[in-house]
């Protein structure tokens, strides 16, 4: 009986470090999964913002050139849409540079969930948009205190969306005014012709 207890104690002593090591390894794996899940959640939110940005890039192009229609199933890359906007020459170059940086960051992050070193040029482009809207620096101070780079990206995207929507509204309003002018001119001409015939 004593021998059995001694054997059990030796067995426990032998497996105890292995058991502890296993627990630590499992805990480390769980922590890694949790951390990865948090990163993925932040990344998912950023990717969603990127998709919204892409939709409004397309709307901006269509506002300028209404004859360009969305074609179902036709895939044009984000980068190509951005180049079209750049060639139109009606969009702020600083905003174009920031959107390009956001797209490059998105492409890098989509292929690397474990983390990423962001280029200084990208950060500079993004912060320049925030600074343009945040003259007192309150938003940037708030973002810096949270130390969450994804929130910085999302804030920049928000300001860029405001710019795109403003551009879309202006182009649509201008086109409506022009269309109304043409319609009124045609009506006036028609009236004039009718009066002359009388």
N, C-alpha and C. Protein backbone atom coordinates (compact mmCIF):
# COMPACT_ATOMS: atom_id res chain seq x y z
N UNK A 1 0.82 -1.19 0.00
CA UNK A 1 0.00 0.00 0.00
C UNK A 1 0.86 1.25 0.00
N UNK A 2 1.89 1.24 0.88
CA UNK A 2 2.84 2.36 0.94
C UNK A 2 3.51 2.54 -0.41
N UNK A 3 3.85 1.44 -1.03
CA UNK A 3 4.52 1.49 -2.33
C UNK A 3 3.61 2.12 -3.38
N UNK A 4 2.30 1.77 -3.30
CA UNK A 4 1.34 2.35 -4.25
C UNK A 4 1.25 3.85 -4.09
N UNK A 5 1.18 4.32 -2.81
CA UNK A 5 1.09 5.76 -2.55
C UNK A 5 2.36 6.47 -3.02
N UNK A 6 3.49 5.84 -2.74
CA UNK A 6 4.78 6.40 -3.17
C UNK A 6 4.83 6.50 -4.70
N UNK A 7 4.33 5.43 -5.36
CA UNK A 7 4.32 5.40 -6.82
C UNK A 7 3.40 6.51 -7.38
N UNK A 8 2.20 6.68 -6.75
CA UNK A 8 1.25 7.72 -7.16
C UNK A 8 1.87 9.10 -7.00
N UNK A 9 2.59 9.30 -5.86
CA UNK A 9 3.22 10.60 -5.60
C UNK A 9 4.30 10.86 -6.65
N UNK A 10 5.11 9.84 -6.95
CA UNK A 10 6.15 9.98 -7.98
C UNK A 10 5.54 10.27 -9.35
N UNK A 11 4.44 9.56 -9.62
CA UNK A 11 3.75 9.75 -10.90
C UNK A 11 3.21 11.18 -10.99
N UNK A 12 2.57 11.66 -9.89
CA UNK A 12 2.03 13.02 -9.83
C UNK A 12 3.15 14.04 -9.99
N UNK A 13 4.26 13.80 -9.27
CA UNK A 13 5.42 14.71 -9.36
C UNK A 13 5.97 14.76 -10.78
N UNK A 14 5.94 13.60 -11.43
CA UNK A 14 6.49 13.51 -12.77
C UNK A 14 5.57 14.24 -13.78
N UNK A 15 4.25 14.08 -13.60
CA UNK A 15 3.31 14.68 -14.55
C UNK A 15 2.93 16.13 -14.23
N UNK A 16 3.17 16.54 -12.99
CA UNK A 16 2.79 17.89 -12.57
C UNK A 16 3.41 18.98 -13.47
N UNK A 17 4.75 18.97 -13.70
CA UNK A 17 5.33 20.00 -14.58
C UNK A 17 4.78 19.91 -16.00
N UNK A 18 4.57 18.65 -16.46
CA UNK A 18 4.03 18.45 -17.82
C UNK A 18 2.61 19.00 -17.90
N UNK A 19 1.81 18.73 -16.84
CA UNK A 19 0.44 19.21 -16.78
C UNK A 19 0.42 20.74 -16.77
N UNK A 20 1.25 21.34 -15.90
CA UNK A 20 1.33 22.80 -15.82
C UNK A 20 1.75 23.41 -17.16
N UNK A 21 2.72 22.76 -17.78
CA UNK A 21 3.21 23.22 -19.08
C UNK A 21 2.09 23.17 -20.11
N UNK A 22 1.31 22.06 -20.07
CA UNK A 22 0.19 21.90 -21.00
C UNK A 22 -0.87 22.97 -20.78
N UNK A 23 -1.17 23.24 -19.49
CA UNK A 23 -2.16 24.28 -19.15
C UNK A 23 -1.69 25.64 -19.66
N UNK A 24 -0.40 25.93 -19.43
CA UNK A 24 0.15 27.21 -19.91
C UNK A 24 0.08 27.31 -21.42
N UNK A 25 0.37 26.20 -22.08
CA UNK A 25 0.33 26.19 -23.55
C UNK A 25 -1.09 26.39 -24.05
N UNK A 26 -2.05 25.71 -23.40
CA UNK A 26 -3.46 25.87 -23.78
C UNK A 26 -3.90 27.31 -23.55
N UNK A 27 -3.52 27.87 -22.38
CA UNK A 27 -3.88 29.24 -22.05
C UNK A 27 -3.28 30.22 -23.06
N UNK A 28 -2.03 29.97 -23.43
CA UNK A 28 -1.36 30.83 -24.42
C UNK A 28 -2.10 30.76 -25.76
N UNK A 29 -2.53 29.55 -26.13
CA UNK A 29 -3.28 29.39 -27.37
C UNK A 29 -4.62 30.12 -27.31
N UNK A 30 -5.30 30.01 -26.15
CA UNK A 30 -6.58 30.70 -25.97
C UNK A 30 -6.39 32.22 -26.03
N UNK A 31 -5.32 32.69 -25.38
CA UNK A 31 -5.01 34.13 -25.42
C UNK A 31 -4.74 34.59 -26.84
N UNK A 32 -4.02 33.75 -27.58
CA UNK A 32 -3.70 34.08 -28.98
C UNK A 32 -4.97 34.14 -29.82
N UNK A 33 -5.89 33.17 -29.58
CA UNK A 33 -7.16 33.16 -30.31
C UNK A 33 -7.97 34.41 -29.96
N UNK A 34 -7.99 34.75 -28.67
CA UNK A 34 -8.74 35.94 -28.22
C UNK A 34 -8.16 37.20 -28.87
N UNK A 35 -6.83 37.31 -28.83
CA UNK A 35 -6.15 38.47 -29.43
C UNK A 35 -6.41 38.53 -30.93
N UNK A 36 -6.34 37.36 -31.58
CA UNK A 36 -6.59 37.29 -33.02
C UNK A 36 -8.02 37.67 -33.33
N UNK A 37 -8.97 37.24 -32.47
CA UNK A 37 -10.38 37.56 -32.65
C UNK A 37 -10.60 39.06 -32.54
N UNK A 38 -9.95 39.69 -31.55
CA UNK A 38 -10.07 41.14 -31.37
C UNK A 38 -9.51 41.86 -32.59
N UNK A 39 -8.34 41.41 -33.07
CA UNK A 39 -7.73 42.01 -34.26
C UNK A 39 -8.63 41.82 -35.47
N UNK A 40 -9.19 40.61 -35.59
CA UNK A 40 -10.06 40.30 -36.73
C UNK A 40 -11.31 41.16 -36.68
N UNK A 41 -11.82 41.39 -35.47
CA UNK A 41 -13.00 42.23 -35.31
C UNK A 41 -12.70 43.66 -35.76
N UNK A 42 -11.55 44.19 -35.32
CA UNK A 42 -11.13 45.53 -35.74
C UNK A 42 -10.89 45.56 -37.24
N UNK A 43 -10.23 44.53 -37.73
CA UNK A 43 -9.94 44.44 -39.16
C UNK A 43 -11.24 44.35 -39.95
N UNK A 44 -12.20 43.54 -39.46
CA UNK A 44 -13.49 43.40 -40.12
C UNK A 44 -14.21 44.74 -40.23
N UNK A 45 -14.17 45.51 -39.16
CA UNK A 45 -14.80 46.83 -39.17
C UNK A 45 -14.13 47.74 -40.19
N UNK A 46 -12.80 47.70 -40.22
CA UNK A 46 -12.05 48.52 -41.18
C UNK A 46 -12.36 48.10 -42.62
N UNK A 47 -12.43 46.79 -42.86
CA UNK A 47 -12.74 46.28 -44.21
C UNK A 47 -14.15 46.70 -44.64
N UNK A 48 -15.07 46.73 -43.69
CA UNK A 48 -16.43 47.18 -43.99
C UNK A 48 -16.42 48.66 -44.38
N UNK A 49 -15.67 49.47 -43.64
CA UNK A 49 -15.53 50.90 -43.98
C UNK A 49 -14.93 51.05 -45.38
N UNK A 50 -13.97 50.20 -45.69
CA UNK A 50 -13.31 50.25 -47.00
C UNK A 50 -14.33 49.95 -48.11
N UNK A 51 -15.23 48.98 -47.87
CA UNK A 51 -16.27 48.65 -48.85
C UNK A 51 -17.22 49.82 -49.09
N UNK A 52 -17.59 50.50 -48.00
CA UNK A 52 -18.47 51.66 -48.12
C UNK A 52 -17.77 52.75 -48.93
N UNK A 53 -16.49 52.96 -48.64
CA UNK A 53 -15.70 53.94 -49.39
C UNK A 53 -15.69 53.61 -50.87
N UNK A 54 -15.53 52.34 -51.20
CA UNK A 54 -15.50 51.92 -52.60
C UNK A 54 -16.84 52.21 -53.29
N UNK A 55 -17.94 51.97 -52.58
CA UNK A 55 -19.27 52.22 -53.15
C UNK A 55 -19.42 53.70 -53.50
N UNK A 56 -18.94 54.59 -52.62
CA UNK A 56 -19.09 56.02 -52.88
C UNK A 56 -18.09 56.54 -53.91
N UNK A 57 -16.98 55.85 -54.07
CA UNK A 57 -16.07 56.19 -55.17
C UNK A 57 -16.81 55.98 -56.50
N UNK A 58 -17.50 54.85 -56.57
CA UNK A 58 -18.26 54.52 -57.78
C UNK A 58 -19.38 55.54 -58.00
N UNK A 59 -20.09 55.89 -56.93
CA UNK A 59 -21.17 56.89 -57.04
C UNK A 59 -20.63 58.23 -57.50
N UNK A 60 -19.44 58.58 -57.04
CA UNK A 60 -18.81 59.85 -57.43
C UNK A 60 -18.53 59.86 -58.94
N UNK A 61 -17.99 58.75 -59.44
CA UNK A 61 -17.69 58.63 -60.87
C UNK A 61 -18.99 58.76 -61.68
N UNK A 62 -20.04 58.07 -61.23
CA UNK A 62 -21.33 58.10 -61.95
C UNK A 62 -21.96 59.49 -61.88
N UNK A 63 -21.75 60.22 -60.76
CA UNK A 63 -22.29 61.58 -60.64
C UNK A 63 -21.66 62.49 -61.68
N UNK A 64 -20.36 62.30 -61.96
CA UNK A 64 -19.66 63.13 -62.94
C UNK A 64 -19.99 62.68 -64.36
N UNK A 65 -20.01 61.36 -64.56
CA UNK A 65 -20.32 60.80 -65.88
C UNK A 65 -21.53 59.88 -65.76
N UNK A 66 -22.75 60.46 -65.80
CA UNK A 66 -23.95 59.62 -65.63
C UNK A 66 -24.10 58.56 -66.72
N UNK A 67 -23.46 58.79 -67.86
CA UNK A 67 -23.56 57.78 -68.94
C UNK A 67 -22.84 56.49 -68.59
N UNK A 68 -21.93 56.56 -67.60
CA UNK A 68 -21.28 55.33 -67.10
C UNK A 68 -22.27 54.66 -66.16
N UNK A 69 -22.68 53.47 -66.48
CA UNK A 69 -23.65 52.75 -65.65
C UNK A 69 -22.96 51.59 -64.96
N UNK A 70 -23.51 51.24 -63.79
CA UNK A 70 -23.03 50.04 -63.11
C UNK A 70 -23.43 48.83 -63.93
N UNK A 71 -22.50 47.95 -64.16
CA UNK A 71 -22.79 46.73 -64.90
C UNK A 71 -22.72 45.57 -63.92
N UNK A 72 -23.84 44.89 -63.74
CA UNK A 72 -23.88 43.74 -62.82
C UNK A 72 -22.87 42.69 -63.26
N UNK A 73 -22.10 42.21 -62.32
CA UNK A 73 -21.12 41.17 -62.61
C UNK A 73 -19.82 41.70 -63.16
N UNK A 74 -19.81 42.99 -63.52
CA UNK A 74 -18.56 43.57 -64.03
C UNK A 74 -17.72 44.05 -62.85
N UNK A 75 -16.54 43.54 -62.75
CA UNK A 75 -15.68 43.88 -61.61
C UNK A 75 -14.60 44.86 -62.04
N UNK A 76 -14.63 46.01 -61.41
CA UNK A 76 -13.55 46.98 -61.58
C UNK A 76 -12.92 47.13 -60.21
N UNK A 77 -11.62 47.04 -60.15
CA UNK A 77 -10.94 47.07 -58.86
C UNK A 77 -11.05 48.44 -58.21
N UNK A 78 -10.87 48.45 -56.92
CA UNK A 78 -10.86 49.69 -56.14
C UNK A 78 -9.80 50.63 -56.72
N UNK A 79 -8.63 50.09 -56.99
CA UNK A 79 -7.52 50.88 -57.52
C UNK A 79 -7.85 51.54 -58.85
N UNK A 80 -8.57 50.82 -59.72
CA UNK A 80 -8.94 51.38 -61.03
C UNK A 80 -9.97 52.49 -60.87
N UNK A 81 -10.92 52.29 -59.95
CA UNK A 81 -11.91 53.34 -59.68
C UNK A 81 -11.21 54.60 -59.17
N UNK A 82 -10.23 54.39 -58.32
CA UNK A 82 -9.48 55.52 -57.77
C UNK A 82 -8.70 56.25 -58.86
N UNK A 83 -8.13 55.49 -59.78
CA UNK A 83 -7.38 56.11 -60.89
C UNK A 83 -8.31 56.91 -61.80
N UNK A 84 -9.53 56.40 -62.00
CA UNK A 84 -10.52 57.13 -62.81
C UNK A 84 -10.80 58.47 -62.15
N UNK A 85 -11.03 58.45 -60.84
CA UNK A 85 -11.29 59.70 -60.11
C UNK A 85 -10.11 60.65 -60.22
N UNK A 86 -8.92 60.12 -60.13
CA UNK A 86 -7.72 60.97 -60.25
C UNK A 86 -7.65 61.62 -61.63
N UNK A 87 -7.98 60.84 -62.67
CA UNK A 87 -7.93 61.37 -64.04
C UNK A 87 -9.03 62.38 -64.30
N UNK A 88 -10.14 62.29 -63.58
CA UNK A 88 -11.21 63.27 -63.75
C UNK A 88 -10.75 64.66 -63.33
N UNK A 89 -9.78 64.70 -62.41
CA UNK A 89 -9.19 65.98 -61.99
C UNK A 89 -10.10 66.86 -61.15
N UNK A 90 -11.22 66.32 -60.67
CA UNK A 90 -12.14 67.15 -59.89
C UNK A 90 -12.10 66.81 -58.39
N UNK A 91 -11.18 65.94 -58.02
CA UNK A 91 -11.09 65.50 -56.62
C UNK A 91 -9.78 65.98 -56.01
N UNK A 92 -9.84 66.41 -54.77
CA UNK A 92 -8.67 66.92 -54.05
C UNK A 92 -7.53 65.89 -54.07
N UNK A 93 -6.32 66.33 -54.46
CA UNK A 93 -5.19 65.40 -54.59
C UNK A 93 -4.79 64.80 -53.23
N UNK A 94 -4.88 65.59 -52.18
CA UNK A 94 -4.55 65.10 -50.84
C UNK A 94 -5.51 63.97 -50.44
N UNK A 95 -6.79 64.12 -50.79
CA UNK A 95 -7.79 63.09 -50.50
C UNK A 95 -7.52 61.84 -51.33
N UNK A 96 -7.16 62.06 -52.59
CA UNK A 96 -6.81 60.93 -53.47
C UNK A 96 -5.65 60.13 -52.86
N UNK A 97 -4.61 60.84 -52.38
CA UNK A 97 -3.44 60.18 -51.78
C UNK A 97 -3.84 59.39 -50.54
N UNK A 98 -4.73 59.95 -49.72
CA UNK A 98 -5.18 59.25 -48.51
C UNK A 98 -5.98 58.00 -48.85
N UNK A 99 -6.86 58.10 -49.85
CA UNK A 99 -7.66 56.93 -50.26
C UNK A 99 -6.73 55.85 -50.81
N UNK A 100 -5.74 56.27 -51.57
CA UNK A 100 -4.76 55.30 -52.11
C UNK A 100 -4.02 54.60 -50.96
N UNK A 101 -3.63 55.37 -49.94
CA UNK A 101 -2.96 54.79 -48.77
C UNK A 101 -3.86 53.80 -48.04
N UNK A 102 -5.13 54.17 -47.86
CA UNK A 102 -6.10 53.29 -47.19
C UNK A 102 -6.25 51.98 -47.98
N UNK A 103 -6.30 52.09 -49.30
CA UNK A 103 -6.44 50.88 -50.11
C UNK A 103 -5.20 49.99 -50.01
N UNK A 104 -4.03 50.59 -50.00
CA UNK A 104 -2.79 49.80 -49.85
C UNK A 104 -2.74 49.13 -48.48
N UNK A 105 -3.17 49.86 -47.44
CA UNK A 105 -3.22 49.28 -46.09
C UNK A 105 -4.20 48.11 -46.07
N UNK A 106 -5.37 48.31 -46.68
CA UNK A 106 -6.38 47.25 -46.73
C UNK A 106 -5.84 46.02 -47.43
N UNK A 107 -5.16 46.21 -48.55
CA UNK A 107 -4.60 45.07 -49.28
C UNK A 107 -3.56 44.33 -48.46
N UNK A 108 -2.71 45.08 -47.75
CA UNK A 108 -1.69 44.45 -46.90
C UNK A 108 -2.35 43.68 -45.75
N UNK A 109 -3.35 44.31 -45.10
CA UNK A 109 -4.01 43.67 -43.95
C UNK A 109 -4.81 42.44 -44.35
N UNK A 110 -5.38 42.47 -45.52
CA UNK A 110 -6.18 41.33 -45.99
C UNK A 110 -5.34 40.07 -46.13
N UNK A 111 -4.03 40.25 -46.29
CA UNK A 111 -3.13 39.11 -46.46
C UNK A 111 -2.29 38.83 -45.22
N UNK A 112 -2.49 39.62 -44.15
CA UNK A 112 -1.64 39.45 -42.97
C UNK A 112 -2.42 39.83 -41.71
N UNK A 113 -3.08 38.84 -41.10
CA UNK A 113 -3.89 39.09 -39.91
C UNK A 113 -3.05 39.27 -38.64
N UNK A 114 -1.80 38.83 -38.66
CA UNK A 114 -1.00 38.83 -37.43
C UNK A 114 -0.45 40.21 -37.07
N UNK A 115 -0.66 41.19 -37.93
CA UNK A 115 -0.16 42.53 -37.62
C UNK A 115 0.57 43.10 -38.80
N UNK A 116 0.84 44.38 -38.71
CA UNK A 116 1.42 45.05 -39.87
C UNK A 116 2.13 46.31 -39.41
N UNK A 117 3.25 46.57 -40.02
CA UNK A 117 3.94 47.84 -39.80
C UNK A 117 3.43 48.80 -40.86
N UNK A 118 2.81 49.88 -40.42
CA UNK A 118 2.25 50.83 -41.36
C UNK A 118 3.31 51.84 -41.79
N UNK A 119 3.35 52.11 -43.08
CA UNK A 119 4.34 53.03 -43.63
C UNK A 119 4.09 54.44 -43.12
N UNK A 120 5.17 55.17 -42.88
CA UNK A 120 5.06 56.55 -42.39
C UNK A 120 4.28 57.41 -43.38
N UNK A 121 4.49 57.19 -44.67
CA UNK A 121 3.78 57.96 -45.70
C UNK A 121 2.28 57.74 -45.64
N UNK A 122 1.86 56.49 -45.35
CA UNK A 122 0.44 56.18 -45.23
C UNK A 122 -0.16 56.93 -44.04
N UNK A 123 0.52 56.84 -42.91
CA UNK A 123 0.03 57.52 -41.71
C UNK A 123 -0.08 59.02 -41.94
N UNK A 124 0.94 59.58 -42.59
CA UNK A 124 0.97 61.02 -42.85
C UNK A 124 -0.22 61.43 -43.72
N UNK A 125 -0.49 60.67 -44.78
CA UNK A 125 -1.62 60.95 -45.68
C UNK A 125 -2.94 60.91 -44.92
N UNK A 126 -3.09 59.91 -44.08
CA UNK A 126 -4.34 59.72 -43.34
C UNK A 126 -4.53 60.82 -42.30
N UNK A 127 -3.47 61.11 -41.55
CA UNK A 127 -3.56 62.15 -40.52
C UNK A 127 -3.76 63.53 -41.14
N UNK A 128 -3.29 63.74 -42.38
CA UNK A 128 -3.47 65.05 -43.02
C UNK A 128 -4.95 65.31 -43.29
N UNK A 129 -5.71 64.25 -43.61
CA UNK A 129 -7.16 64.41 -43.84
C UNK A 129 -7.86 64.74 -42.52
N UNK A 130 -7.49 64.03 -41.46
CA UNK A 130 -8.09 64.28 -40.15
C UNK A 130 -7.78 65.72 -39.71
N UNK A 131 -6.53 66.14 -39.90
CA UNK A 131 -6.11 67.49 -39.49
C UNK A 131 -6.87 68.56 -40.28
N UNK A 132 -7.18 68.27 -41.55
CA UNK A 132 -7.89 69.23 -42.39
C UNK A 132 -9.28 69.51 -41.82
N UNK A 133 -9.90 68.49 -41.21
CA UNK A 133 -11.23 68.65 -40.64
C UNK A 133 -11.20 69.02 -39.16
N UNK A 134 -10.13 68.64 -38.51
CA UNK A 134 -10.01 68.78 -37.05
C UNK A 134 -9.00 69.88 -36.73
N UNK A 135 -9.40 71.12 -36.95
CA UNK A 135 -8.48 72.26 -36.81
C UNK A 135 -7.92 72.39 -35.39
N UNK A 136 -8.72 72.05 -34.38
CA UNK A 136 -8.28 72.19 -32.99
C UNK A 136 -7.52 70.97 -32.47
N UNK A 137 -7.51 69.91 -33.24
CA UNK A 137 -6.76 68.72 -32.85
C UNK A 137 -7.43 67.85 -31.81
N UNK A 138 -8.69 68.09 -31.53
CA UNK A 138 -9.40 67.31 -30.50
C UNK A 138 -9.60 65.86 -30.91
N UNK A 139 -9.98 65.65 -32.16
CA UNK A 139 -10.24 64.28 -32.65
C UNK A 139 -8.93 63.49 -32.64
N UNK A 140 -7.88 64.11 -33.15
CA UNK A 140 -6.58 63.42 -33.18
C UNK A 140 -6.11 63.07 -31.77
N UNK A 141 -6.32 63.98 -30.83
CA UNK A 141 -5.94 63.72 -29.43
C UNK A 141 -6.72 62.53 -28.87
N UNK A 142 -8.01 62.50 -29.17
CA UNK A 142 -8.87 61.39 -28.74
C UNK A 142 -8.42 60.07 -29.36
N UNK A 143 -8.11 60.10 -30.66
CA UNK A 143 -7.65 58.89 -31.35
C UNK A 143 -6.31 58.42 -30.79
N UNK A 144 -5.40 59.35 -30.54
CA UNK A 144 -4.08 59.00 -29.99
C UNK A 144 -4.20 58.37 -28.61
N UNK A 145 -5.17 58.84 -27.81
CA UNK A 145 -5.35 58.30 -26.45
C UNK A 145 -5.85 56.86 -26.49
N UNK A 146 -6.59 56.50 -27.54
CA UNK A 146 -7.12 55.13 -27.66
C UNK A 146 -6.09 54.17 -28.22
N UNK A 147 -5.07 54.69 -28.89
CA UNK A 147 -4.01 53.87 -29.48
C UNK A 147 -4.56 52.74 -30.33
N UNK A 148 -5.54 53.07 -31.17
CA UNK A 148 -6.16 52.08 -32.04
C UNK A 148 -6.07 52.59 -33.47
N UNK A 149 -5.13 52.07 -34.23
CA UNK A 149 -4.87 52.56 -35.58
C UNK A 149 -6.09 52.35 -36.50
N UNK A 150 -6.88 51.30 -36.23
CA UNK A 150 -8.07 51.07 -37.05
C UNK A 150 -9.07 52.21 -36.90
N UNK A 151 -9.22 52.74 -35.69
CA UNK A 151 -10.12 53.87 -35.46
C UNK A 151 -9.64 55.10 -36.24
N UNK A 152 -8.32 55.26 -36.35
CA UNK A 152 -7.75 56.37 -37.13
C UNK A 152 -8.15 56.20 -38.59
N UNK A 153 -7.99 54.98 -39.13
CA UNK A 153 -8.36 54.70 -40.52
C UNK A 153 -9.84 55.00 -40.75
N UNK A 154 -10.68 54.50 -39.83
CA UNK A 154 -12.13 54.66 -39.97
C UNK A 154 -12.54 56.13 -39.91
N UNK A 155 -11.88 56.91 -39.04
CA UNK A 155 -12.18 58.34 -38.93
C UNK A 155 -11.81 59.04 -40.22
N UNK A 156 -10.66 58.69 -40.77
CA UNK A 156 -10.23 59.26 -42.04
C UNK A 156 -11.24 58.91 -43.14
N UNK A 157 -11.68 57.66 -43.18
CA UNK A 157 -12.66 57.23 -44.19
C UNK A 157 -13.94 58.03 -44.04
N UNK A 158 -14.37 58.27 -42.81
CA UNK A 158 -15.58 59.06 -42.57
C UNK A 158 -15.46 60.43 -43.22
N UNK A 159 -14.34 61.12 -43.00
CA UNK A 159 -14.15 62.45 -43.58
C UNK A 159 -14.08 62.38 -45.11
N UNK A 160 -13.46 61.35 -45.63
CA UNK A 160 -13.39 61.18 -47.09
C UNK A 160 -14.78 60.93 -47.67
N UNK A 161 -15.62 60.19 -46.95
CA UNK A 161 -16.99 59.95 -47.41
C UNK A 161 -17.77 61.25 -47.47
N UNK A 162 -17.55 62.12 -46.48
CA UNK A 162 -18.22 63.42 -46.48
C UNK A 162 -17.82 64.20 -47.74
N UNK A 163 -16.53 64.17 -48.08
CA UNK A 163 -16.04 64.86 -49.28
C UNK A 163 -16.65 64.26 -50.55
N UNK A 164 -16.68 62.94 -50.61
CA UNK A 164 -17.26 62.27 -51.79
C UNK A 164 -18.75 62.60 -51.92
N UNK A 165 -19.47 62.54 -50.81
CA UNK A 165 -20.91 62.82 -50.83
C UNK A 165 -21.18 64.27 -51.22
N UNK A 166 -20.34 65.18 -50.74
CA UNK A 166 -20.47 66.59 -51.11
C UNK A 166 -20.28 66.74 -52.62
N UNK A 167 -19.24 66.09 -53.15
CA UNK A 167 -18.98 66.12 -54.59
C UNK A 167 -20.12 65.54 -55.39
N UNK A 168 -20.68 64.42 -54.92
CA UNK A 168 -21.81 63.78 -55.59
C UNK A 168 -23.00 64.73 -55.62
N UNK A 169 -23.31 65.34 -54.47
CA UNK A 169 -24.45 66.26 -54.38
C UNK A 169 -24.27 67.45 -55.31
N UNK A 170 -23.06 68.03 -55.32
CA UNK A 170 -22.80 69.19 -56.17
C UNK A 170 -22.96 68.86 -57.64
N UNK A 171 -22.40 67.72 -58.06
CA UNK A 171 -22.50 67.31 -59.46
C UNK A 171 -23.95 67.02 -59.85
N UNK A 172 -24.68 66.34 -58.95
CA UNK A 172 -26.08 66.02 -59.24
C UNK A 172 -26.93 67.29 -59.30
N UNK A 173 -26.67 68.22 -58.37
CA UNK A 173 -27.41 69.49 -58.35
C UNK A 173 -27.13 70.29 -59.61
N UNK A 174 -25.86 70.38 -59.98
CA UNK A 174 -25.47 71.11 -61.18
C UNK A 174 -26.13 70.50 -62.42
N UNK A 175 -26.12 69.16 -62.49
CA UNK A 175 -26.73 68.49 -63.64
C UNK A 175 -28.23 68.75 -63.68
N UNK A 176 -28.89 68.73 -62.51
CA UNK A 176 -30.33 68.99 -62.45
C UNK A 176 -30.65 70.41 -62.91
N UNK A 177 -29.81 71.36 -62.49
CA UNK A 177 -30.01 72.76 -62.91
C UNK A 177 -29.84 72.88 -64.41
N UNK A 178 -28.80 72.24 -64.94
CA UNK A 178 -28.55 72.29 -66.39
C UNK A 178 -29.70 71.63 -67.16
N UNK A 179 -30.17 70.48 -66.66
CA UNK A 179 -31.28 69.79 -67.32
C UNK A 179 -32.55 70.64 -67.29
N UNK A 180 -32.78 71.29 -66.15
CA UNK A 180 -33.95 72.15 -66.01
C UNK A 180 -33.86 73.35 -66.95
N UNK A 181 -32.66 73.91 -67.07
CA UNK A 181 -32.43 75.04 -67.98
C UNK A 181 -32.74 74.64 -69.43
N UNK A 182 -32.23 73.47 -69.83
CA UNK A 182 -32.47 72.97 -71.20
C UNK A 182 -33.97 72.74 -71.41
N UNK A 183 -34.63 72.15 -70.42
CA UNK A 183 -36.07 71.88 -70.52
C UNK A 183 -36.85 73.19 -70.68
N UNK A 184 -36.49 74.18 -69.82
CA UNK A 184 -37.18 75.48 -69.88
C UNK A 184 -36.92 76.18 -71.22
N UNK A 185 -35.68 76.07 -71.69
CA UNK A 185 -35.31 76.69 -72.97
C UNK A 185 -36.12 76.07 -74.11
N UNK A 186 -36.24 74.74 -74.07
CA UNK A 186 -37.01 74.02 -75.09
C UNK A 186 -38.49 74.43 -75.05
N UNK A 187 -39.02 74.57 -73.82
CA UNK A 187 -40.42 74.98 -73.66
C UNK A 187 -40.64 76.38 -74.21
N UNK A 188 -39.69 77.27 -73.87
CA UNK A 188 -39.79 78.65 -74.35
C UNK A 188 -39.73 78.70 -75.87
N UNK A 189 -38.83 77.89 -76.45
CA UNK A 189 -38.69 77.85 -77.91
C UNK A 189 -39.98 77.33 -78.54
N UNK A 190 -40.55 76.30 -77.93
CA UNK A 190 -41.79 75.71 -78.44
C UNK A 190 -42.92 76.74 -78.40
N UNK A 191 -42.99 77.47 -77.27
CA UNK A 191 -44.00 78.52 -77.13
C UNK A 191 -43.85 79.59 -78.20
N UNK A 192 -42.60 79.98 -78.41
CA UNK A 192 -42.29 81.01 -79.39
C UNK A 192 -42.71 80.58 -80.80
N UNK A 193 -42.40 79.33 -81.13
CA UNK A 193 -42.77 78.78 -82.43
C UNK A 193 -44.30 78.77 -82.57
N UNK A 194 -44.99 78.36 -81.54
CA UNK A 194 -46.46 78.30 -81.57
C UNK A 194 -47.06 79.68 -81.74
N UNK A 195 -46.47 80.66 -81.05
CA UNK A 195 -46.96 82.05 -81.15
C UNK A 195 -46.73 82.60 -82.56
N UNK A 196 -45.60 82.26 -83.12
CA UNK A 196 -45.28 82.74 -84.48
C UNK A 196 -46.25 82.16 -85.51
N UNK A 197 -46.65 80.90 -85.28
CA UNK A 197 -47.57 80.24 -86.22
C UNK A 197 -48.97 80.82 -86.13
N UNK A 198 -49.29 81.39 -84.96
CA UNK A 198 -50.64 81.96 -84.81
C UNK A 198 -50.73 83.24 -85.51
